[in-house]
Full PDB file with SEQRES, HELIX, SHEET, SSBOND, CRYST1, ORIGX, SCALE, CONECT and MASTER records, all heavy atoms in Angstrom:
SEQRES   1 A   30  PHE GLU ARG VAL SER MET ASN ARG ASP ARG PRO LEU LEU          
SEQRES   2 A   30  TYR THR GLU ASP PRO LEU GLN THR ILE THR ASP LEU LEU          
SEQRES   3 A   30  ALA GLU ARG GLU                                              
HELIX    1 AA1 PRO A   11  LEU A   13  5                                   3    
HELIX    2 AA2 PRO A   18  ARG A   29  1                                  12    
CRYST1    1.000    1.000    1.000  90.00  90.00  90.00 P 1           1          
ORIGX1      1.000000  0.000000  0.000000        0.00000                         
ORIGX2      0.000000  1.000000  0.000000        0.00000                         
ORIGX3      0.000000  0.000000  1.000000        0.00000                         
SCALE1      1.000000  0.000000  0.000000        0.00000                         
SCALE2      0.000000  1.000000  0.000000        0.00000                         
SCALE3      0.000000  0.000000  1.000000        0.00000                         
ATOM      1  N   PHE A   1       3.563  -7.707   4.577  1.00  0.00           N  
ATOM      2  CA  PHE A   1       3.618  -6.388   5.214  1.00  0.00           C  
ATOM      3  C   PHE A   1       4.029  -5.271   4.257  1.00  0.00           C  
ATOM      4  O   PHE A   1       3.528  -4.217   4.182  1.00  0.00           O  
ATOM      5  CB  PHE A   1       4.605  -6.400   6.420  1.00  0.00           C  
ATOM      6  CG  PHE A   1       4.635  -5.156   7.241  1.00  0.00           C  
ATOM      7  CD1 PHE A   1       3.592  -4.657   7.940  1.00  0.00           C  
ATOM      8  CD2 PHE A   1       5.817  -4.335   7.126  1.00  0.00           C  
ATOM      9  CE1 PHE A   1       3.711  -3.420   8.578  1.00  0.00           C  
ATOM     10  CE2 PHE A   1       5.896  -3.173   7.789  1.00  0.00           C  
ATOM     11  CZ  PHE A   1       4.777  -2.691   8.599  1.00  0.00           C  
ATOM     12  N   GLU A   2       5.085  -5.570   3.475  1.00  0.00           N  
ATOM     13  CA  GLU A   2       5.551  -4.599   2.468  1.00  0.00           C  
ATOM     14  C   GLU A   2       4.419  -4.264   1.399  1.00  0.00           C  
ATOM     15  O   GLU A   2       4.310  -3.057   1.088  1.00  0.00           O  
ATOM     16  CB  GLU A   2       6.735  -5.200   1.697  1.00  0.00           C  
ATOM     17  CG  GLU A   2       7.318  -4.277   0.688  1.00  0.00           C  
ATOM     18  CD  GLU A   2       8.546  -4.851  -0.052  1.00  0.00           C  
ATOM     19  OE1 GLU A   2       8.983  -5.868   0.391  1.00  0.00           O  
ATOM     20  OE2 GLU A   2       8.932  -4.219  -1.020  1.00  0.00           O  
ATOM     21  N   ARG A   3       3.666  -5.270   1.053  1.00  0.00           N  
ATOM     22  CA  ARG A   3       2.581  -4.998   0.092  1.00  0.00           C  
ATOM     23  C   ARG A   3       1.407  -4.236   0.610  1.00  0.00           C  
ATOM     24  O   ARG A   3       0.703  -3.468  -0.091  1.00  0.00           O  
ATOM     25  CB  ARG A   3       2.128  -6.294  -0.557  1.00  0.00           C  
ATOM     26  CG  ARG A   3       3.168  -7.074  -1.391  1.00  0.00           C  
ATOM     27  CD  ARG A   3       2.657  -8.447  -1.789  1.00  0.00           C  
ATOM     28  NE  ARG A   3       3.637  -9.119  -2.588  1.00  0.00           N  
ATOM     29  CZ  ARG A   3       3.534 -10.425  -2.985  1.00  0.00           C  
ATOM     30  NH1 ARG A   3       2.406 -11.071  -2.636  1.00  0.00           N  
ATOM     31  NH2 ARG A   3       4.426 -10.958  -3.728  1.00  0.00           N  
ATOM     32  N   VAL A   4       1.071  -4.415   1.943  1.00  0.00           N  
ATOM     33  CA  VAL A   4      -0.203  -3.888   2.420  1.00  0.00           C  
ATOM     34  C   VAL A   4       0.037  -2.690   3.392  1.00  0.00           C  
ATOM     35  O   VAL A   4      -0.984  -2.095   3.772  1.00  0.00           O  
ATOM     36  CB  VAL A   4      -0.995  -4.918   3.167  1.00  0.00           C  
ATOM     37  CG1 VAL A   4      -1.266  -6.100   2.217  1.00  0.00           C  
ATOM     38  CG2 VAL A   4      -0.401  -5.424   4.487  1.00  0.00           C  
ATOM     39  N   SER A   5       1.228  -2.328   3.677  1.00  0.00           N  
ATOM     40  CA  SER A   5       1.516  -1.342   4.761  1.00  0.00           C  
ATOM     41  C   SER A   5       0.947   0.015   4.430  1.00  0.00           C  
ATOM     42  O   SER A   5       0.614   0.794   5.317  1.00  0.00           O  
ATOM     43  CB  SER A   5       3.028  -1.294   5.052  1.00  0.00           C  
ATOM     44  OG  SER A   5       3.747  -0.944   3.908  1.00  0.00           O  
ATOM     45  N   MET A   6       0.783   0.355   3.214  1.00  0.00           N  
ATOM     46  CA  MET A   6       0.374   1.680   2.805  1.00  0.00           C  
ATOM     47  C   MET A   6      -1.117   1.662   2.464  1.00  0.00           C  
ATOM     48  O   MET A   6      -1.691   2.712   2.102  1.00  0.00           O  
ATOM     49  CB  MET A   6       1.182   2.184   1.621  1.00  0.00           C  
ATOM     50  CG  MET A   6       2.620   2.280   1.903  1.00  0.00           C  
ATOM     51  SD  MET A   6       3.005   3.377   3.283  1.00  0.00           S  
ATOM     52  CE  MET A   6       2.455   4.919   2.708  1.00  0.00           C  
ATOM     53  N   ASN A   7      -1.818   0.502   2.603  1.00  0.00           N  
ATOM     54  CA  ASN A   7      -3.221   0.327   2.220  1.00  0.00           C  
ATOM     55  C   ASN A   7      -4.062   0.541   3.470  1.00  0.00           C  
ATOM     56  O   ASN A   7      -3.917  -0.175   4.457  1.00  0.00           O  
ATOM     57  CB  ASN A   7      -3.502  -0.998   1.569  1.00  0.00           C  
ATOM     58  CG  ASN A   7      -4.800  -1.124   0.957  1.00  0.00           C  
ATOM     59  OD1 ASN A   7      -5.803  -0.528   1.455  1.00  0.00           O  
ATOM     60  ND2 ASN A   7      -4.974  -1.892  -0.116  1.00  0.00           N  
ATOM     61  N   ARG A   8      -4.912   1.524   3.495  1.00  0.00           N  
ATOM     62  CA  ARG A   8      -5.797   1.789   4.701  1.00  0.00           C  
ATOM     63  C   ARG A   8      -7.153   1.125   4.620  1.00  0.00           C  
ATOM     64  O   ARG A   8      -8.017   1.347   5.420  1.00  0.00           O  
ATOM     65  CB  ARG A   8      -5.969   3.298   4.806  1.00  0.00           C  
ATOM     66  CG  ARG A   8      -4.687   4.086   5.044  1.00  0.00           C  
ATOM     67  CD  ARG A   8      -3.869   3.513   6.213  1.00  0.00           C  
ATOM     68  NE  ARG A   8      -4.606   3.519   7.481  1.00  0.00           N  
ATOM     69  CZ  ARG A   8      -4.324   2.867   8.565  1.00  0.00           C  
ATOM     70  NH1 ARG A   8      -3.260   2.098   8.550  1.00  0.00           N  
ATOM     71  NH2 ARG A   8      -5.076   3.042   9.701  1.00  0.00           N  
ATOM     72  N   ASP A   9      -7.289   0.272   3.635  1.00  0.00           N  
ATOM     73  CA  ASP A   9      -8.589  -0.378   3.474  1.00  0.00           C  
ATOM     74  C   ASP A   9      -8.535  -1.858   4.027  1.00  0.00           C  
ATOM     75  O   ASP A   9      -9.274  -2.684   3.523  1.00  0.00           O  
ATOM     76  CB  ASP A   9      -9.002  -0.519   1.965  1.00  0.00           C  
ATOM     77  CG  ASP A   9      -9.391   0.898   1.357  1.00  0.00           C  
ATOM     78  OD1 ASP A   9      -9.754   1.721   2.184  1.00  0.00           O  
ATOM     79  OD2 ASP A   9      -9.091   1.029   0.209  1.00  0.00           O  
ATOM     80  N   ARG A  10      -7.680  -2.097   5.028  1.00  0.00           N  
ATOM     81  CA  ARG A  10      -7.552  -3.392   5.641  1.00  0.00           C  
ATOM     82  C   ARG A  10      -8.017  -3.254   7.086  1.00  0.00           C  
ATOM     83  O   ARG A  10      -7.176  -2.982   7.975  1.00  0.00           O  
ATOM     84  CB  ARG A  10      -6.082  -3.841   5.530  1.00  0.00           C  
ATOM     85  CG  ARG A  10      -5.492  -3.759   4.121  1.00  0.00           C  
ATOM     86  CD  ARG A  10      -5.961  -4.863   3.255  1.00  0.00           C  
ATOM     87  NE  ARG A  10      -5.190  -4.849   1.985  1.00  0.00           N  
ATOM     88  CZ  ARG A  10      -5.447  -5.787   1.045  1.00  0.00           C  
ATOM     89  NH1 ARG A  10      -6.272  -6.735   1.198  1.00  0.00           N  
ATOM     90  NH2 ARG A  10      -4.693  -5.733  -0.054  1.00  0.00           N  
ATOM     91  N   PRO A  11      -9.239  -3.461   7.434  1.00  0.00           N  
ATOM     92  CA  PRO A  11      -9.667  -3.241   8.773  1.00  0.00           C  
ATOM     93  C   PRO A  11      -9.018  -4.020   9.893  1.00  0.00           C  
ATOM     94  O   PRO A  11      -8.746  -3.528  10.956  1.00  0.00           O  
ATOM     95  CB  PRO A  11     -11.222  -3.625   8.814  1.00  0.00           C  
ATOM     96  CG  PRO A  11     -11.631  -3.435   7.275  1.00  0.00           C  
ATOM     97  CD  PRO A  11     -10.313  -3.761   6.504  1.00  0.00           C  
ATOM     98  N   LEU A  12      -8.567  -5.302   9.556  1.00  0.00           N  
ATOM     99  CA  LEU A  12      -7.965  -6.138  10.535  1.00  0.00           C  
ATOM    100  C   LEU A  12      -6.555  -5.692  10.892  1.00  0.00           C  
ATOM    101  O   LEU A  12      -5.991  -6.079  11.861  1.00  0.00           O  
ATOM    102  CB  LEU A  12      -7.928  -7.646   9.979  1.00  0.00           C  
ATOM    103  CG  LEU A  12      -9.226  -8.247   9.864  1.00  0.00           C  
ATOM    104  CD1 LEU A  12      -9.169  -9.737   9.371  1.00  0.00           C  
ATOM    105  CD2 LEU A  12     -10.056  -8.254  11.226  1.00  0.00           C  
ATOM    106  N   LEU A  13      -6.030  -4.691  10.044  1.00  0.00           N  
ATOM    107  CA  LEU A  13      -4.707  -4.141  10.357  1.00  0.00           C  
ATOM    108  C   LEU A  13      -4.679  -2.807  11.028  1.00  0.00           C  
ATOM    109  O   LEU A  13      -3.698  -2.132  11.154  1.00  0.00           O  
ATOM    110  CB  LEU A  13      -3.861  -4.091   9.077  1.00  0.00           C  
ATOM    111  CG  LEU A  13      -3.599  -5.379   8.379  1.00  0.00           C  
ATOM    112  CD1 LEU A  13      -2.709  -5.180   7.196  1.00  0.00           C  
ATOM    113  CD2 LEU A  13      -2.968  -6.438   9.334  1.00  0.00           C  
ATOM    114  N   TYR A  14      -5.891  -2.416  11.510  1.00  0.00           N  
ATOM    115  CA  TYR A  14      -6.041  -1.154  12.260  1.00  0.00           C  
ATOM    116  C   TYR A  14      -5.577  -1.395  13.727  1.00  0.00           C  
ATOM    117  O   TYR A  14      -6.355  -1.387  14.654  1.00  0.00           O  
ATOM    118  CB  TYR A  14      -7.494  -0.634  12.300  1.00  0.00           C  
ATOM    119  CG  TYR A  14      -7.983  -0.227  10.997  1.00  0.00           C  
ATOM    120  CD1 TYR A  14      -9.368   0.167  10.805  1.00  0.00           C  
ATOM    121  CD2 TYR A  14      -7.194  -0.118   9.782  1.00  0.00           C  
ATOM    122  CE1 TYR A  14      -9.909   0.583   9.565  1.00  0.00           C  
ATOM    123  CE2 TYR A  14      -7.688   0.313   8.598  1.00  0.00           C  
ATOM    124  CZ  TYR A  14      -9.021   0.620   8.474  1.00  0.00           C  
ATOM    125  OH  TYR A  14      -9.536   0.974   7.291  1.00  0.00           O  
ATOM    126  N   THR A  15      -4.268  -1.735  13.872  1.00  0.00           N  
ATOM    127  CA  THR A  15      -3.718  -2.083  15.223  1.00  0.00           C  
ATOM    128  C   THR A  15      -2.517  -1.248  15.390  1.00  0.00           C  
ATOM    129  O   THR A  15      -1.905  -0.644  14.482  1.00  0.00           O  
ATOM    130  CB  THR A  15      -3.356  -3.598  15.232  1.00  0.00           C  
ATOM    131  OG1 THR A  15      -2.400  -3.884  14.315  1.00  0.00           O  
ATOM    132  CG2 THR A  15      -4.639  -4.384  14.969  1.00  0.00           C  
ATOM    133  N   GLU A  16      -1.908  -1.273  16.619  1.00  0.00           N  
ATOM    134  CA  GLU A  16      -0.735  -0.707  16.912  1.00  0.00           C  
ATOM    135  C   GLU A  16       0.496  -1.332  16.301  1.00  0.00           C  
ATOM    136  O   GLU A  16       1.548  -0.645  16.030  1.00  0.00           O  
ATOM    137  CB  GLU A  16      -0.545  -0.594  18.536  1.00  0.00           C  
ATOM    138  CG  GLU A  16      -1.518   0.287  19.185  1.00  0.00           C  
ATOM    139  CD  GLU A  16      -1.244   0.356  20.694  1.00  0.00           C  
ATOM    140  OE1 GLU A  16      -0.181  -0.247  21.124  1.00  0.00           O  
ATOM    141  OE2 GLU A  16      -1.982   1.027  21.441  1.00  0.00           O  
ATOM    142  N   ASP A  17       0.473  -2.631  16.108  1.00  0.00           N  
ATOM    143  CA  ASP A  17       1.536  -3.301  15.460  1.00  0.00           C  
ATOM    144  C   ASP A  17       1.017  -4.150  14.372  1.00  0.00           C  
ATOM    145  O   ASP A  17       0.852  -5.379  14.493  1.00  0.00           O  
ATOM    146  CB  ASP A  17       2.229  -4.095  16.549  1.00  0.00           C  
ATOM    147  CG  ASP A  17       3.564  -4.775  16.099  1.00  0.00           C  
ATOM    148  OD1 ASP A  17       3.831  -4.788  14.866  1.00  0.00           O  
ATOM    149  OD2 ASP A  17       4.296  -5.307  16.913  1.00  0.00           O  
ATOM    150  N   PRO A  18       0.827  -3.665  13.110  1.00  0.00           N  
ATOM    151  CA  PRO A  18       0.344  -4.393  12.009  1.00  0.00           C  
ATOM    152  C   PRO A  18       1.169  -5.660  11.694  1.00  0.00           C  
ATOM    153  O   PRO A  18       0.650  -6.692  11.321  1.00  0.00           O  
ATOM    154  CB  PRO A  18       0.256  -3.432  10.876  1.00  0.00           C  
ATOM    155  CG  PRO A  18       0.151  -2.084  11.489  1.00  0.00           C  
ATOM    156  CD  PRO A  18       1.055  -2.228  12.788  1.00  0.00           C  
ATOM    157  N   LEU A  19       2.534  -5.493  11.729  1.00  0.00           N  
ATOM    158  CA  LEU A  19       3.378  -6.630  11.440  1.00  0.00           C  
ATOM    159  C   LEU A  19       3.125  -7.784  12.360  1.00  0.00           C  
ATOM    160  O   LEU A  19       3.047  -8.923  11.854  1.00  0.00           O  
ATOM    161  CB  LEU A  19       4.840  -6.229  11.536  1.00  0.00           C  
ATOM    162  CG  LEU A  19       5.895  -7.271  11.149  1.00  0.00           C  
ATOM    163  CD1 LEU A  19       5.693  -7.743   9.730  1.00  0.00           C  
ATOM    164  CD2 LEU A  19       7.272  -6.658  11.427  1.00  0.00           C  
ATOM    165  N   GLN A  20       2.909  -7.566  13.638  1.00  0.00           N  
ATOM    166  CA  GLN A  20       2.663  -8.617  14.608  1.00  0.00           C  
ATOM    167  C   GLN A  20       1.236  -9.188  14.311  1.00  0.00           C  
ATOM    168  O   GLN A  20       0.998 -10.460  14.406  1.00  0.00           O  
ATOM    169  CB  GLN A  20       2.780  -8.075  16.004  1.00  0.00           C  
ATOM    170  CG  GLN A  20       2.627  -9.280  17.004  1.00  0.00           C  
ATOM    171  CD  GLN A  20       3.732 -10.378  16.886  1.00  0.00           C  
ATOM    172  OE1 GLN A  20       4.873  -9.987  16.783  1.00  0.00           O  
ATOM    173  NE2 GLN A  20       3.251 -11.597  16.850  1.00  0.00           N  
ATOM    174  N   THR A  21       0.325  -8.350  13.960  1.00  0.00           N  
ATOM    175  CA  THR A  21      -1.027  -8.831  13.632  1.00  0.00           C  
ATOM    176  C   THR A  21      -1.008  -9.746  12.404  1.00  0.00           C  
ATOM    177  O   THR A  21      -1.635 -10.825  12.430  1.00  0.00           O  
ATOM    178  CB  THR A  21      -1.977  -7.606  13.205  1.00  0.00           C  
ATOM    179  OG1 THR A  21      -2.049  -6.738  14.395  1.00  0.00           O  
ATOM    180  CG2 THR A  21      -3.349  -8.133  12.900  1.00  0.00           C  
ATOM    181  N   ILE A  22      -0.281  -9.388  11.372  1.00  0.00           N  
ATOM    182  CA  ILE A  22      -0.110 -10.300  10.204  1.00  0.00           C  
ATOM    183  C   ILE A  22       0.579 -11.622  10.615  1.00  0.00           C  
ATOM    184  O   ILE A  22       0.036 -12.647  10.219  1.00  0.00           O  
ATOM    185  CB  ILE A  22       0.812  -9.597   9.098  1.00  0.00           C  
ATOM    186  CG1 ILE A  22       0.055  -8.376   8.525  1.00  0.00           C  
ATOM    187  CG2 ILE A  22       1.229 -10.598   7.980  1.00  0.00           C  
ATOM    188  CD1 ILE A  22       0.900  -7.562   7.651  1.00  0.00           C  
ATOM    189  N   THR A  23       1.645 -11.615  11.504  1.00  0.00           N  
ATOM    190  CA  THR A  23       2.238 -12.780  11.899  1.00  0.00           C  
ATOM    191  C   THR A  23       1.298 -13.744  12.640  1.00  0.00           C  
ATOM    192  O   THR A  23       1.195 -14.875  12.408  1.00  0.00           O  
ATOM    193  CB  THR A  23       3.436 -12.428  12.856  1.00  0.00           C  
ATOM    194  OG1 THR A  23       4.324 -11.641  12.131  1.00  0.00           O  
ATOM    195  CG2 THR A  23       4.085 -13.696  13.355  1.00  0.00           C  
ATOM    196  N   ASP A  24       0.452 -13.141  13.561  1.00  0.00           N  
ATOM    197  CA  ASP A  24      -0.459 -13.890  14.344  1.00  0.00           C  
ATOM    198  C   ASP A  24      -1.610 -14.422  13.481  1.00  0.00           C  
ATOM    199  O   ASP A  24      -1.953 -15.645  13.630  1.00  0.00           O  
ATOM    200  CB  ASP A  24      -1.106 -13.075  15.424  1.00  0.00           C  
ATOM    201  CG  ASP A  24      -0.051 -12.576  16.456  1.00  0.00           C  
ATOM    202  OD1 ASP A  24       1.035 -13.214  16.541  1.00  0.00           O  
ATOM    203  OD2 ASP A  24      -0.341 -11.626  17.255  1.00  0.00           O  
ATOM    204  N   LEU A  25      -2.171 -13.586  12.615  1.00  0.00           N  
ATOM    205  CA  LEU A  25      -3.266 -14.128  11.704  1.00  0.00           C  
ATOM    206  C   LEU A  25      -2.803 -15.221  10.813  1.00  0.00           C  
ATOM    207  O   LEU A  25      -3.588 -16.155  10.597  1.00  0.00           O  
ATOM    208  CB  LEU A  25      -3.882 -12.940  10.922  1.00  0.00           C  
ATOM    209  CG  LEU A  25      -4.744 -11.916  11.761  1.00  0.00           C  
ATOM    210  CD1 LEU A  25      -5.140 -10.774  10.811  1.00  0.00           C  
ATOM    211  CD2 LEU A  25      -5.946 -12.631  12.254  1.00  0.00           C  
ATOM    212  N   LEU A  26      -1.648 -15.074  10.191  1.00  0.00           N  
ATOM    213  CA  LEU A  26      -1.118 -16.098   9.369  1.00  0.00           C  
ATOM    214  C   LEU A  26      -0.895 -17.395  10.094  1.00  0.00           C  
ATOM    215  O   LEU A  26      -1.285 -18.485   9.591  1.00  0.00           O  
ATOM    216  CB  LEU A  26       0.252 -15.715   8.767  1.00  0.00           C  
ATOM    217  CG  LEU A  26       0.288 -14.918   7.454  1.00  0.00           C  
ATOM    218  CD1 LEU A  26       1.707 -14.550   7.029  1.00  0.00           C  
ATOM    219  CD2 LEU A  26      -0.403 -15.705   6.364  1.00  0.00           C  
ATOM    220  N   ALA A  27      -0.461 -17.384  11.320  1.00  0.00           N  
ATOM    221  CA  ALA A  27      -0.296 -18.611  12.133  1.00  0.00           C  
ATOM    222  C   ALA A  27      -1.651 -19.240  12.403  1.00  0.00           C  
ATOM    223  O   ALA A  27      -1.717 -20.460  12.405  1.00  0.00           O  
ATOM    224  CB  ALA A  27       0.492 -18.284  13.392  1.00  0.00           C  
ATOM    225  N   GLU A  28      -2.573 -18.417  12.616  1.00  0.00           N  
ATOM    226  CA  GLU A  28      -3.970 -18.912  12.978  1.00  0.00           C  
ATOM    227  C   GLU A  28      -4.599 -19.622  11.742  1.00  0.00           C  
ATOM    228  O   GLU A  28      -5.357 -20.537  11.839  1.00  0.00           O  
ATOM    229  CB  GLU A  28      -4.834 -17.827  13.427  1.00  0.00           C  
ATOM    230  CG  GLU A  28      -4.470 -17.268  14.838  1.00  0.00           C  
ATOM    231  CD  GLU A  28      -5.354 -15.993  15.146  1.00  0.00           C  
ATOM    232  OE1 GLU A  28      -6.308 -15.711  14.444  1.00  0.00           O  
ATOM    233  OE2 GLU A  28      -5.015 -15.376  16.168  1.00  0.00           O  
ATOM    234  N   ARG A  29      -4.342 -19.041  10.516  1.00  0.00           N  
ATOM    235  CA  ARG A  29      -5.057 -19.426   9.350  1.00  0.00           C  
ATOM    236  C   ARG A  29      -4.364 -20.479   8.446  1.00  0.00           C  
ATOM    237  O   ARG A  29      -4.970 -21.024   7.580  1.00  0.00           O  
ATOM    238  CB  ARG A  29      -5.298 -18.163   8.530  1.00  0.00           C  
ATOM    239  CG  ARG A  29      -6.230 -17.226   9.139  1.00  0.00           C  
ATOM    240  CD  ARG A  29      -6.499 -15.885   8.286  1.00  0.00           C  
ATOM    241  NE  ARG A  29      -7.329 -14.983   8.892  1.00  0.00           N  
ATOM    242  CZ  ARG A  29      -7.634 -13.802   8.274  1.00  0.00           C  
ATOM    243  NH1 ARG A  29      -7.034 -13.468   7.065  1.00  0.00           N  
ATOM    244  NH2 ARG A  29      -8.411 -12.886   8.857  1.00  0.00           N  
ATOM    245  N   GLU A  30      -3.174 -20.733   8.732  1.00  0.00           N  
ATOM    246  CA  GLU A  30      -2.374 -21.560   7.837  1.00  0.00           C  
ATOM    247  C   GLU A  30      -3.006 -22.943   7.643  1.00  0.00           C  
ATOM    248  O   GLU A  30      -3.138 -23.405   6.556  1.00  0.00           O  
ATOM    249  CB  GLU A  30      -0.932 -21.731   8.305  1.00  0.00           C  
ATOM    250  CG  GLU A  30      -0.097 -22.566   7.380  1.00  0.00           C  
ATOM    251  CD  GLU A  30       1.420 -22.531   7.663  1.00  0.00           C  
ATOM    252  OE1 GLU A  30       1.776 -21.950   8.663  1.00  0.00           O  
ATOM    253  OE2 GLU A  30       2.184 -23.036   6.800  1.00  0.00           O  
TER     254      GLU A  30                                                      
MASTER        0    0    0    2    0    0    0    6  253    1    0    3          
END                                                                             
């Protein structure tokens, strides 16, 4: 989250809660 929070070229993080999105996607992909 710290590394990507300022990057607007991440379409999957165009959400209301990017931190939760990262948490969910990591859990799905591990």
